[in-house]
Amino acid sequence: MKTTQLTTPTHEQRTLDPSHHLYRLQKLVASLALVGLAGCAVGPDFVSPSAPSVEQYTATPIVQQTVSAPGNLGQAQTIVSGAVVSAQWWRSFNSDELNALIEQAYQTSPTLASAQAKLREAQELLAAYAGSTQLPQVVGSAGAQRQQTSPSSQGLTGDNRQFSLYNASGGVFYNLDVAGGIARQVEALSARVDLREYELQAAELTLAGNITNTAITRAKLASQYEATAQILKAQDEQLRLANLRVRLGHASPDEALSLIAQAEQTRSQLPALQKQIQQADHLLSVLAGQPPGTHGIPDFTLSDFTLPSELPLVVPSELVRQRPDIAASEALMKATNAEYGVALSRMYPQLTISASTGTQALTTGALFGPGSAIWALLGQLTQPLFNAGLPAESRAALAAFDASAANYQTVVLQGLREVADSLRAIENDAQALASIAAADAAARESVRSTERRFDLGAASNLELLVIQQQAEQIRIQRVAAQAQRLSDSVALYLAMGGGALSAANPAPIDSVAAR
C-alpha cells in the first residue's frame, strides 16, 4: 500500500508486514506443515487375510442331534448352525453357583487385572507417541548468565569486562512426516492396542472356561468319591462275613486275605479322590482371585448342572471373526506390517523444522524493551547416504511380518481343529453315555432283583454285596461320562470364541490429529 509519509512501523505492523521476517517465518512454517501432511506412508497397506475357504469342519457331515440316554445329563443335544454364541455362554448350564463364581472372578481375578493394565499401557503409549509427533512441540525457556570477556583475546587493550545476559524465548519444533514413518508407527501402536484388547477378551474367555471345567471336575470327583465309599462299605461287610466263615471253619484264611487286599485297595482310592477334590476347590479359589481355602467356594455336584439342549455352531468363514485369539493374531500382523513401513521410512529423507522467538538483554528491565527481540529458524533435511544397518532392519521387519502371518495361519488351523474335535466329542461321548447308562440301568435292576431274592431267602448276603459293588463300579463310569458331556459342551463354546467378539464393541482409539 502506498503511503504519503515515512513512519517507523510499530511491533504489530512489523509482524503483519509481508516483508517482515516473522511474517515470512509464519508462511514458511505453514508451507512445510502442508508438505508434511501431504507425505505418503511407505510400505504396503495392510489387507486382512481371507476367511477360510472350507465349508465344514469335518470330513464327514456332523450329526445335527445326538442320541439321548436315560437319567440326568443324558438328554439329546441339537447343533444349531448359524446361531449366535452368547457372551455369557456359561449360563446355559443353569447353575446359579457357577454364574455367581464367574461374575466374582471377573471382578477380582489378578489375571484379568494384568490384562487390563497391559491394555491401558498400550493405549497410553499410543497417546504419548501420537501426541509428541503428530502435533508441534512448543517449549518456553528463560535464563540468566554471567560472562566475562577479555579484550586481549580479540587483539585489543583494556581491562576485562563482566556483564550479565538475560533471555526469554519460546520455540516450536515439528518433524514433518514426509516419508510417512510417523503415520506407520501410529498405525502399529494402534494395532498393538487392538492386540491387547483381544488378549483381554481371550483371558476372560479362558477364565470362564477354566472355572466351568474345574467346577464340573469337582462335581464328578464328589460323585465318584461317594460311589467309591459305597463300594468300600460293601467290601468291609463282605470281609466281615468272610472272617465269620473262617472262624466257623467254612472258609479258608486265604479268602479273607484276598478280601482284605481288595478292601484296602479301594480304601486307598478315597484319599486320592479327596486330594483331587481339595485341589479343585483350591484352584477355584485362585481363579476367583482368592487365597486357597477361602470360604464361599460352592461344593459343586453334577445335579447343579443342566446339559444345554442346543449348541451354537458358526460357519468356518465366521470363526475368524468370532475367536479373540484369531483376531489378536490378525492385529499382530497389522502391527508388524506397519512396523515394516517404519523401517522403510528410515531410508528416506527426514525433515525437521524449528522456530523460536524471544528477547535478550543485559538487564531484566530491558528484557522486554525495544531492540531486544531475537528469532531463529531452522530447517534440517537428513538423508542417509550410507548405513548398512538400515536395509537389514527392513529385512528383519519383513521377516517379523512373515512370522506373524505364519502364526496367524497356525492359530486359524488350530481353531478349526478345536471345533472339529469338539463336534466329534459331542457325538461320540453321547453314544458312550447312552451305552453306559443302559449298563447302569441294568445293574441297578439286577441289584433290586437280588434284593428281592435275598428277602425271600433265595440269594445270599454275599451275592447281594457283589452285585452292589458291580453296580457302583458302573455308576463311577456313568458319572465320568456325564461330566464328559458337560465338558464337551464347554469345549465347543470355547472353540467358538464364547461370543467374546460378537458382544464386545471396543471403541477405536483415534490419534491426536484425528481428535
Protein backbone atom coordinates (compact mmCIF):
# COMPACT_ATOMS: atom_id res chain seq x y z
CA MET A 1 0.00 0.00 0.00
CA LYS A 2 1.36 3.45 -0.93
CA THR A 3 1.97 5.91 1.91
CA THR A 4 2.41 9.67 1.82
CA GLN A 5 4.92 9.92 4.64
CA LEU A 6 7.74 7.96 6.17
CA THR A 7 6.94 6.42 9.54
CA THR A 8 8.56 3.89 11.85
CA PRO A 9 6.41 0.73 11.92
CA THR A 10 5.17 -0.47 15.28
CA HIS A 11 5.84 -4.06 16.51
CA GLU A 12 2.36 -5.16 15.40
CA GLN A 13 2.82 -3.58 11.99
CA ARG A 14 6.17 -5.27 11.52
CA THR A 15 4.63 -8.65 12.33
CA LEU A 16 1.87 -8.31 9.74
CA ASP A 17 4.05 -6.74 7.07
CA PRO A 18 4.70 -9.28 4.27
CA SER A 19 8.27 -8.03 4.06
CA HIS A 20 8.94 -8.67 7.76
CA HIS A 21 10.89 -11.76 8.84
CA LEU A 22 8.22 -13.00 11.30
CA TYR A 23 5.59 -12.96 8.61
CA ARG A 24 7.87 -14.88 6.29
CA LEU A 25 8.59 -17.32 9.11
CA GLN A 26 4.89 -17.98 9.64
CA LYS A 27 4.37 -18.59 5.93
CA LEU A 28 7.34 -20.95 5.78
CA VAL A 29 6.16 -22.99 8.77
CA ALA A 30 2.67 -23.31 7.29
CA SER A 31 4.05 -24.37 3.92
CA LEU A 32 6.32 -27.00 5.42
CA ALA A 33 3.46 -28.32 7.55
CA LEU A 34 1.34 -28.77 4.43
CA VAL A 35 4.22 -30.63 2.79
CA GLY A 36 4.46 -32.93 5.81
CA LEU A 37 0.74 -33.61 5.86
CA ALA A 38 0.86 -34.50 2.19
CA GLY A 39 3.60 -37.10 2.72
CA CYS A 40 2.77 -40.65 1.73
CA ALA A 41 3.29 -43.55 4.13
CA VAL A 42 5.85 -46.00 2.81
CA GLY A 43 5.30 -49.73 2.85
CA PRO A 44 2.28 -51.78 1.78
CA ASP A 45 -1.11 -51.06 3.27
CA PHE A 46 -2.40 -53.89 5.43
CA VAL A 47 -5.00 -56.20 3.91
CA SER A 48 -6.93 -58.56 6.19
CA PRO A 49 -6.35 -62.25 5.44
CA SER A 50 -9.03 -64.10 3.55
CA ALA A 51 -11.51 -66.19 5.53
CA PRO A 52 -11.08 -69.99 5.43
CA SER A 53 -12.46 -71.42 2.20
CA VAL A 54 -13.65 -74.67 3.80
CA GLU A 55 -17.39 -75.05 4.30
CA GLN A 56 -17.36 -77.66 7.07
CA TYR A 57 -15.13 -78.60 9.96
CA THR A 58 -15.02 -82.37 9.49
CA ALA A 59 -14.53 -84.70 6.53
CA THR A 60 -17.98 -86.19 7.02
CA PRO A 61 -21.13 -84.29 7.99
CA ILE A 62 -21.76 -83.86 11.69
CA VAL A 63 -24.79 -85.27 13.46
CA GLN A 64 -27.27 -82.46 13.99
CA GLN A 65 -28.82 -84.18 17.02
CA THR A 66 -27.04 -86.52 19.40
CA VAL A 67 -28.50 -89.70 20.85
CA SER A 68 -30.20 -89.47 24.22
CA ALA A 69 -29.66 -91.52 27.34
CA PRO A 70 -31.92 -92.10 30.34
CA GLY A 71 -31.17 -90.28 33.55
CA ASN A 72 -29.59 -86.96 34.43
CA LEU A 73 -27.45 -85.21 31.79
CA GLY A 74 -28.46 -87.75 29.17
CA GLN A 75 -30.81 -85.68 27.02
CA ALA A 76 -30.12 -85.20 23.32
CA GLN A 77 -28.37 -82.07 22.11
CA THR A 78 -29.09 -80.23 18.86
CA ILE A 79 -26.32 -78.47 16.90
CA VAL A 80 -27.77 -75.22 15.52
CA SER A 81 -25.73 -73.90 12.59
CA GLY A 82 -25.52 -70.13 12.29
CA ALA A 83 -26.79 -69.49 15.83
CA VAL A 84 -25.36 -66.57 17.79
CA VAL A 85 -22.99 -67.56 20.58
CA SER A 86 -23.95 -65.88 23.85
CA ALA A 87 -21.26 -63.81 25.54
CA GLN A 88 -22.34 -65.36 28.86
CA TRP A 89 -22.44 -68.89 27.49
CA TRP A 90 -21.90 -70.49 30.91
CA ARG A 91 -25.44 -69.52 31.90
CA SER A 92 -26.72 -72.25 29.57
CA PHE A 93 -25.71 -74.79 32.27
CA ASN A 94 -28.32 -73.28 34.64
CA SER A 95 -26.08 -73.18 37.72
CA ASP A 96 -26.59 -70.14 39.92
CA GLU A 97 -23.46 -71.02 41.91
CA LEU A 98 -21.37 -71.15 38.74
CA ASN A 99 -22.79 -67.85 37.47
CA ALA A 100 -22.01 -66.09 40.75
CA LEU A 101 -18.47 -67.51 40.90
CA ILE A 102 -17.61 -66.38 37.36
CA GLU A 103 -19.03 -62.92 37.98
CA GLN A 104 -16.92 -62.66 41.13
CA ALA A 105 -13.83 -63.83 39.24
CA TYR A 106 -14.36 -61.16 36.58
CA GLN A 107 -14.12 -58.55 39.33
CA THR A 108 -11.26 -59.96 41.41
CA SER A 109 -9.06 -62.07 39.10
CA PRO A 110 -5.45 -60.81 39.02
CA THR A 111 -5.09 -62.38 35.58
CA LEU A 112 -7.75 -60.08 34.18
CA ALA A 113 -6.31 -57.15 36.14
CA SER A 114 -2.95 -57.77 34.46
CA ALA A 115 -4.55 -57.94 31.01
CA GLN A 116 -6.48 -54.73 31.68
CA ALA A 117 -3.31 -52.96 32.81
CA LYS A 118 -1.48 -54.06 29.66
CA LEU A 119 -4.35 -52.65 27.59
CA ARG A 120 -4.12 -49.32 29.38
CA GLU A 121 -0.36 -49.32 28.86
CA ALA A 122 -0.80 -49.82 25.12
CA GLN A 123 -3.40 -47.05 24.98
CA GLU A 124 -1.14 -44.58 26.79
CA LEU A 125 1.86 -45.48 24.64
CA LEU A 126 -0.23 -44.73 21.55
CA ALA A 127 -1.44 -41.44 23.02
CA ALA A 128 2.10 -40.48 24.06
CA TYR A 129 3.64 -41.15 20.66
CA ALA A 130 0.82 -39.56 18.69
CA GLY A 131 0.83 -36.51 20.95
CA SER A 132 4.56 -35.98 20.60
CA THR A 133 4.77 -36.50 16.82
CA GLN A 134 1.51 -35.52 15.17
CA LEU A 135 1.37 -32.03 16.69
CA PRO A 136 4.16 -29.46 17.02
CA GLN A 137 6.00 -29.28 20.31
CA VAL A 138 6.05 -25.87 21.96
CA VAL A 139 8.62 -25.07 24.63
CA GLY A 140 9.41 -21.98 26.63
CA SER A 141 12.67 -21.09 28.31
CA ALA A 142 14.17 -18.36 30.44
CA GLY A 143 17.77 -17.95 31.58
CA ALA A 144 20.39 -15.71 33.06
CA GLN A 145 24.16 -15.94 32.78
CA ARG A 146 27.21 -14.03 33.93
CA GLN A 147 30.02 -13.60 31.40
CA GLN A 148 33.46 -12.10 31.25
CA THR A 149 35.26 -11.07 28.06
CA SER A 150 38.93 -10.32 27.59
CA PRO A 151 39.89 -7.57 25.08
CA SER A 152 43.30 -9.16 24.63
CA SER A 153 41.71 -12.27 23.13
CA GLN A 154 40.47 -10.02 20.32
CA GLY A 155 43.79 -8.11 19.90
CA LEU A 156 42.55 -5.11 21.90
CA THR A 157 43.78 -3.41 25.03
CA GLY A 158 41.89 -2.69 28.15
CA ASP A 159 40.50 -4.34 31.23
CA ASN A 160 38.35 -7.45 31.28
CA ARG A 161 34.65 -6.77 31.08
CA GLN A 162 32.00 -8.58 33.07
CA PHE A 163 28.29 -8.41 32.32
CA SER A 164 25.02 -10.31 32.81
CA LEU A 165 22.87 -11.62 29.97
CA TYR A 166 19.17 -12.37 30.37
CA ASN A 167 16.93 -14.11 27.85
CA ALA A 168 13.39 -15.43 27.49
CA SER A 169 12.16 -17.30 24.45
CA GLY A 170 9.56 -19.70 23.04
CA GLY A 171 10.13 -22.29 20.37
CA VAL A 172 8.16 -24.60 18.11
CA PHE A 173 9.53 -27.92 16.86
CA TYR A 174 7.90 -30.18 14.31
CA ASN A 175 9.03 -33.29 12.47
CA LEU A 176 7.42 -33.33 9.05
CA ASP A 177 6.30 -36.86 8.20
CA VAL A 178 7.49 -36.74 4.61
CA ALA A 179 8.00 -40.49 4.24
CA GLY A 180 5.04 -41.47 6.42
CA GLY A 181 7.09 -43.22 9.09
CA ILE A 182 5.24 -41.47 11.90
CA ALA A 183 1.87 -42.44 10.44
CA ARG A 184 3.03 -46.06 10.17
CA GLN A 185 4.25 -46.04 13.77
CA VAL A 186 0.88 -44.70 14.94
CA GLU A 187 -0.78 -47.45 12.92
CA ALA A 188 1.47 -50.05 14.57
CA LEU A 189 0.76 -48.78 18.08
CA SER A 190 -2.97 -48.68 17.33
CA ALA A 191 -2.80 -52.31 16.22
CA ARG A 192 -0.97 -53.13 19.45
CA VAL A 193 -3.90 -51.61 21.35
CA ASP A 194 -6.27 -53.89 19.43
CA LEU A 195 -3.98 -56.81 20.21
CA ARG A 196 -4.18 -56.10 23.94
CA GLU A 197 -7.96 -55.71 23.70
CA TYR A 198 -8.32 -59.13 22.09
CA GLU A 199 -5.90 -60.64 24.60
CA LEU A 200 -8.11 -59.31 27.40
CA GLN A 201 -11.16 -60.91 25.80
CA ALA A 202 -9.26 -64.17 25.38
CA ALA A 203 -8.24 -64.03 29.06
CA GLU A 204 -11.88 -63.55 30.07
CA LEU A 205 -12.93 -66.46 27.89
CA THR A 206 -10.18 -68.71 29.26
CA LEU A 207 -11.00 -67.76 32.85
CA ALA A 208 -14.69 -68.61 32.42
CA GLY A 209 -13.77 -71.89 30.72
CA ASN A 210 -11.30 -72.88 33.44
CA ILE A 211 -13.80 -72.15 36.20
CA THR A 212 -16.57 -74.09 34.46
CA ASN A 213 -14.37 -77.09 33.69
CA THR A 214 -12.95 -77.12 37.22
CA ALA A 215 -16.45 -76.96 38.71
CA ILE A 216 -17.53 -79.91 36.53
CA THR A 217 -14.42 -81.86 37.50
CA ARG A 218 -15.10 -81.15 41.17
CA ALA A 219 -18.68 -82.38 40.79
CA LYS A 220 -17.50 -85.56 39.06
CA LEU A 221 -14.93 -86.30 41.76
CA ALA A 222 -17.51 -85.78 44.53
CA SER A 223 -19.89 -88.31 42.92
CA GLN A 224 -17.06 -90.79 42.35
CA TYR A 225 -15.95 -90.41 45.95
CA GLU A 226 -19.47 -91.23 47.12
CA ALA A 227 -19.69 -94.29 44.86
CA THR A 228 -16.23 -95.50 45.97
CA ALA A 229 -17.26 -95.14 49.61
CA GLN A 230 -20.29 -97.36 48.93
CA ILE A 231 -18.05 -99.97 47.30
CA LEU A 232 -15.76 -99.91 50.33
CA LYS A 233 -18.74 -100.28 52.65
CA ALA A 234 -19.86 -103.39 50.76
CA GLN A 235 -16.34 -104.82 50.77
CA ASP A 236 -15.99 -104.29 54.51
CA GLU A 237 -19.26 -106.12 55.05
CA GLN A 238 -18.12 -108.87 52.72
CA LEU A 239 -14.87 -109.14 54.70
CA ARG A 240 -16.78 -109.32 58.00
CA LEU A 241 -18.82 -112.24 56.68
CA ALA A 242 -15.65 -113.96 55.40
CA ASN A 243 -13.98 -113.66 58.80
CA LEU A 244 -17.07 -115.13 60.41
CA ARG A 245 -16.98 -118.05 58.00
CA VAL A 246 -13.28 -118.58 58.73
CA ARG A 247 -13.98 -118.75 62.46
CA LEU A 248 -16.74 -121.28 61.82
CA GLY A 249 -14.43 -123.30 59.62
CA HIS A 250 -16.50 -122.77 56.48
CA ALA A 251 -13.81 -120.79 54.63
CA SER A 252 -10.03 -120.68 54.42
CA PRO A 253 -7.93 -117.74 55.67
CA ASP A 254 -6.84 -117.12 52.07
CA GLU A 255 -10.37 -115.99 51.19
CA ALA A 256 -10.31 -113.39 53.94
CA LEU A 257 -6.83 -112.22 52.95
CA SER A 258 -7.95 -111.72 49.35
CA LEU A 259 -10.91 -109.63 50.52
CA ILE A 260 -8.62 -107.59 52.78
CA ALA A 261 -6.43 -106.75 49.77
CA GLN A 262 -9.46 -105.66 47.73
CA ALA A 263 -10.88 -103.52 50.56
CA GLU A 264 -7.58 -101.79 51.29
CA GLN A 265 -7.01 -101.13 47.62
CA THR A 266 -10.42 -99.46 47.44
CA ARG A 267 -9.76 -97.59 50.69
CA SER A 268 -6.57 -96.13 49.19
CA GLN A 269 -8.64 -94.54 46.42
CA LEU A 270 -10.61 -92.36 48.86
CA PRO A 271 -7.66 -90.14 49.97
CA ALA A 272 -6.60 -89.74 46.32
CA LEU A 273 -10.10 -88.63 45.35
CA GLN A 274 -10.32 -86.37 48.40
CA LYS A 275 -6.99 -84.78 47.41
CA GLN A 276 -8.26 -84.06 43.90
CA ILE A 277 -11.47 -82.55 45.30
CA GLN A 278 -9.49 -80.29 47.60
CA GLN A 279 -7.15 -79.30 44.79
CA ALA A 280 -10.16 -78.42 42.62
CA ASP A 281 -11.51 -76.24 45.46
CA HIS A 282 -8.13 -74.53 45.77
CA LEU A 283 -8.00 -73.91 42.03
CA LEU A 284 -11.50 -72.43 42.04
CA SER A 285 -10.44 -70.08 44.83
CA VAL A 286 -7.37 -68.91 42.94
CA LEU A 287 -9.29 -68.49 39.67
CA ALA A 288 -11.74 -66.32 41.58
CA GLY A 289 -8.84 -64.19 42.87
CA GLN A 290 -8.97 -65.57 46.41
CA PRO A 291 -6.39 -67.46 48.51
CA PRO A 292 -6.82 -71.25 48.68
CA GLY A 293 -9.08 -72.32 51.49
CA THR A 294 -11.29 -69.26 51.26
CA HIS A 295 -14.81 -69.94 52.44
CA GLY A 296 -17.64 -69.44 49.99
CA ILE A 297 -16.49 -71.74 47.15
CA PRO A 298 -19.53 -73.88 46.26
CA ASP A 299 -19.44 -77.66 46.71
CA PHE A 300 -20.41 -78.41 43.12
CA THR A 301 -22.27 -81.63 42.33
CA LEU A 302 -23.48 -82.93 38.98
CA SER A 303 -27.06 -82.18 39.98
CA ASP A 304 -26.14 -78.47 39.91
CA PHE A 305 -25.74 -78.55 36.12
CA THR A 306 -28.08 -78.89 33.18
CA LEU A 307 -26.86 -80.09 29.80
CA PRO A 308 -27.58 -77.40 27.15
CA SER A 309 -30.24 -78.71 24.78
CA GLU A 310 -28.96 -76.56 21.89
CA LEU A 311 -25.38 -75.74 20.95
CA PRO A 312 -24.48 -72.93 18.50
CA LEU A 313 -22.19 -73.51 15.55
CA VAL A 314 -20.77 -70.74 13.37
CA VAL A 315 -19.52 -71.49 9.87
CA PRO A 316 -15.72 -71.61 9.35
CA SER A 317 -15.66 -68.28 7.48
CA GLU A 318 -17.22 -66.58 10.53
CA LEU A 319 -14.98 -68.30 13.05
CA VAL A 320 -12.08 -65.92 12.30
CA ARG A 321 -14.27 -63.00 13.38
CA GLN A 322 -15.56 -64.83 16.45
CA ARG A 323 -12.44 -66.05 18.25
CA PRO A 324 -10.35 -63.44 20.11
CA ASP A 325 -7.11 -65.38 19.63
CA ILE A 326 -7.54 -65.25 15.84
CA ALA A 327 -8.41 -61.55 16.00
CA ALA A 328 -5.31 -60.97 18.14
CA SER A 329 -3.15 -62.77 15.57
CA GLU A 330 -4.55 -60.53 12.83
CA ALA A 331 -3.85 -57.43 14.94
CA LEU A 332 -0.26 -58.62 15.35
CA MET A 333 0.01 -58.97 11.57
CA LYS A 334 -1.23 -55.42 11.14
CA ALA A 335 1.28 -54.14 13.70
CA THR A 336 4.26 -55.90 12.08
CA ASN A 337 3.16 -54.71 8.63
CA ALA A 338 3.15 -51.11 9.87
CA GLU A 339 6.50 -51.61 11.60
CA TYR A 340 7.92 -52.77 8.28
CA GLY A 341 6.80 -49.44 6.83
CA VAL A 342 8.52 -47.66 9.71
CA ALA A 343 11.77 -49.48 8.91
CA LEU A 344 11.48 -48.48 5.24
CA SER A 345 10.83 -44.84 6.11
CA ARG A 346 14.21 -44.59 7.83
CA MET A 347 15.87 -44.88 4.41
CA TYR A 348 14.04 -41.77 3.14
CA PRO A 349 14.71 -38.10 3.90
CA GLN A 350 13.77 -36.81 7.35
CA LEU A 351 12.71 -33.16 7.52
CA THR A 352 12.60 -31.28 10.81
CA ILE A 353 11.77 -27.62 11.28
CA SER A 354 12.02 -25.45 14.35
CA ALA A 355 11.39 -21.81 15.03
CA SER A 356 11.95 -19.70 18.10
CA THR A 357 11.46 -16.09 19.09
CA GLY A 358 12.21 -14.22 22.28
CA THR A 359 14.13 -11.39 23.86
CA GLN A 360 17.67 -10.91 25.12
CA ALA A 361 19.08 -8.03 27.18
CA LEU A 362 21.81 -7.10 29.61
CA THR A 363 19.29 -6.20 32.34
CA THR A 364 15.98 -7.62 33.36
CA GLY A 365 14.36 -4.22 32.94
CA ALA A 366 15.35 -4.09 29.28
CA LEU A 367 14.41 -7.71 28.61
CA PHE A 368 11.09 -6.79 27.00
CA GLY A 369 12.05 -3.37 25.75
CA PRO A 370 12.56 -2.26 22.14
CA GLY A 371 15.53 -3.72 20.34
CA SER A 372 15.73 -6.85 22.49
CA ALA A 373 13.82 -9.17 20.17
CA ILE A 374 15.63 -12.20 18.73
CA TRP A 375 14.44 -15.02 16.48
CA ALA A 376 15.75 -18.17 14.83
CA LEU A 377 14.51 -20.52 12.15
CA LEU A 378 15.97 -23.94 11.42
CA GLY A 379 15.08 -26.40 8.71
CA GLN A 380 17.05 -29.63 8.67
CA LEU A 381 16.87 -32.27 5.94
CA THR A 382 18.64 -35.54 6.65
CA GLN A 383 19.14 -38.23 4.04
CA PRO A 384 21.02 -41.43 4.89
CA LEU A 385 23.76 -41.86 2.29
CA PHE A 386 25.39 -45.00 3.62
CA ASN A 387 24.08 -47.05 6.53
CA ALA A 388 24.40 -50.78 6.08
CA GLY A 389 22.14 -51.39 9.05
CA LEU A 390 19.01 -49.80 7.56
CA PRO A 391 18.40 -52.45 4.84
CA ALA A 392 18.98 -55.15 7.44
CA GLU A 393 16.39 -53.52 9.72
CA SER A 394 13.82 -53.51 6.92
CA ARG A 395 14.55 -57.16 6.12
CA ALA A 396 14.20 -58.05 9.80
CA ALA A 397 10.86 -56.20 9.96
CA LEU A 398 9.68 -58.06 6.85
CA ALA A 399 10.71 -61.36 8.44
CA ALA A 400 8.73 -60.42 11.55
CA PHE A 401 5.68 -59.84 9.36
CA ASP A 402 6.18 -63.21 7.64
CA ALA A 403 6.39 -64.86 11.08
CA SER A 404 3.18 -63.19 12.24
CA ALA A 405 1.43 -64.26 9.02
CA ALA A 406 2.52 -67.86 9.55
CA ASN A 407 1.41 -67.64 13.19
CA TYR A 408 -1.99 -66.40 12.03
CA GLN A 409 -2.40 -69.43 9.79
CA THR A 410 -1.44 -71.70 12.68
CA VAL A 411 -3.97 -70.11 15.01
CA VAL A 412 -6.73 -70.39 12.39
CA LEU A 413 -5.94 -74.06 11.76
CA GLN A 414 -5.83 -74.71 15.49
CA GLY A 415 -9.23 -73.06 15.89
CA LEU A 416 -10.72 -75.19 13.11
CA ARG A 417 -9.28 -78.32 14.72
CA GLU A 418 -10.66 -77.45 18.14
CA VAL A 419 -14.15 -77.01 16.69
CA ALA A 420 -13.87 -80.30 14.78
CA ASP A 421 -12.64 -82.15 17.89
CA SER A 422 -15.47 -80.71 19.98
CA LEU A 423 -18.15 -81.69 17.46
CA ARG A 424 -16.87 -85.25 17.23
CA ALA A 425 -16.53 -85.49 21.01
CA ILE A 426 -20.14 -84.35 21.50
CA GLU A 427 -21.34 -87.00 19.07
CA ASN A 428 -19.21 -89.90 20.32
CA ASP A 429 -19.45 -89.16 24.04
CA ALA A 430 -23.25 -89.01 23.77
CA GLN A 431 -23.19 -92.53 22.34
CA ALA A 432 -20.81 -93.68 25.08
CA LEU A 433 -23.08 -92.26 27.80
CA ALA A 434 -26.08 -93.99 26.22
CA SER A 435 -24.29 -97.35 26.46
CA ILE A 436 -23.05 -96.77 29.99
CA ALA A 437 -26.47 -95.52 31.06
CA ALA A 438 -28.03 -98.72 29.71
CA ALA A 439 -25.46 -100.76 31.63
CA ASP A 440 -26.15 -98.71 34.76
CA ALA A 441 -29.91 -99.26 34.42
CA ALA A 442 -29.34 -103.00 34.03
CA ALA A 443 -27.01 -103.08 37.05
CA ARG A 444 -29.48 -101.22 39.24
CA GLU A 445 -32.27 -103.56 38.15
CA SER A 446 -30.00 -106.51 38.99
CA VAL A 447 -29.47 -105.06 42.47
CA ARG A 448 -33.22 -104.70 43.00
CA SER A 449 -33.81 -108.26 41.77
CA THR A 450 -31.11 -109.66 44.03
CA GLU A 451 -32.50 -107.72 46.99
CA ARG A 452 -35.93 -109.28 46.38
CA ARG A 453 -34.36 -112.72 46.15
CA PHE A 454 -32.39 -112.02 49.33
CA ASP A 455 -35.57 -111.08 51.16
CA LEU A 456 -37.10 -114.37 50.04
CA GLY A 457 -34.01 -116.30 51.08
CA ALA A 458 -33.12 -117.28 47.51
CA ALA A 459 -29.89 -115.23 47.45
CA SER A 460 -27.11 -114.90 49.96
CA ASN A 461 -25.85 -111.73 51.53
CA LEU A 462 -22.52 -112.30 49.84
CA GLU A 463 -24.17 -112.44 46.41
CA LEU A 464 -26.01 -109.20 47.11
CA LEU A 465 -22.80 -107.44 48.18
CA VAL A 466 -21.03 -108.49 44.98
CA ILE A 467 -23.90 -107.22 42.80
CA GLN A 468 -23.95 -103.92 44.68
CA GLN A 469 -20.22 -103.43 44.12
CA GLN A 470 -20.58 -104.07 40.41
CA ALA A 471 -23.40 -101.52 40.22
CA GLU A 472 -21.28 -98.88 41.99
CA GLN A 473 -18.39 -99.52 39.59
CA ILE A 474 -20.71 -98.86 36.67
CA ARG A 475 -22.01 -95.76 38.46
CA ILE A 476 -18.47 -94.38 38.58
CA GLN A 477 -18.20 -94.83 34.81
CA ARG A 478 -21.60 -93.19 34.28
CA VAL A 479 -20.58 -90.19 36.39
CA ALA A 480 -17.42 -89.76 34.30
CA ALA A 481 -19.46 -89.98 31.08
CA GLN A 482 -21.97 -87.38 32.35
CA ALA A 483 -19.20 -84.98 33.30
CA GLN A 484 -17.55 -85.54 29.93
CA ARG A 485 -20.68 -84.45 28.09
CA LEU A 486 -20.72 -81.24 30.10
CA SER A 487 -17.03 -80.67 29.34
CA ASP A 488 -17.65 -81.31 25.63
CA SER A 489 -20.25 -78.54 25.62
CA VAL A 490 -17.80 -76.18 27.34
CA ALA A 491 -15.13 -77.08 24.78
CA LEU A 492 -17.43 -76.18 21.87
CA TYR A 493 -18.32 -72.82 23.44
CA LEU A 494 -14.62 -72.06 23.90
CA ALA A 495 -13.80 -73.22 20.36
CA MET A 496 -16.49 -70.88 19.03
CA GLY A 497 -14.87 -67.98 20.87
CA GLY A 498 -17.54 -67.80 23.55
CA GLY A 499 -19.26 -64.86 21.88
CA ALA A 500 -16.40 -62.63 23.08
CA LEU A 501 -16.08 -60.57 19.89
CA SER A 502 -19.75 -60.59 18.97
CA ALA A 503 -20.58 -58.98 22.32
CA ALA A 504 -17.59 -56.67 22.52
CA ASN A 505 -17.63 -53.31 20.78
CA PRO A 506 -14.36 -51.66 21.73
CA ALA A 507 -14.27 -48.00 20.79
CA PRO A 508 -11.34 -47.28 18.45
CA ILE A 509 -8.63 -45.09 19.86
CA ASP A 510 -8.19 -42.20 17.48
CA SER A 511 -4.90 -40.43 17.00
CA VAL A 512 -4.26 -36.99 18.41
CA ALA A 513 -4.51 -35.47 14.96
CA ALA A 514 -7.93 -37.02 14.43
CA ARG A 515 -9.13 -35.67 17.75
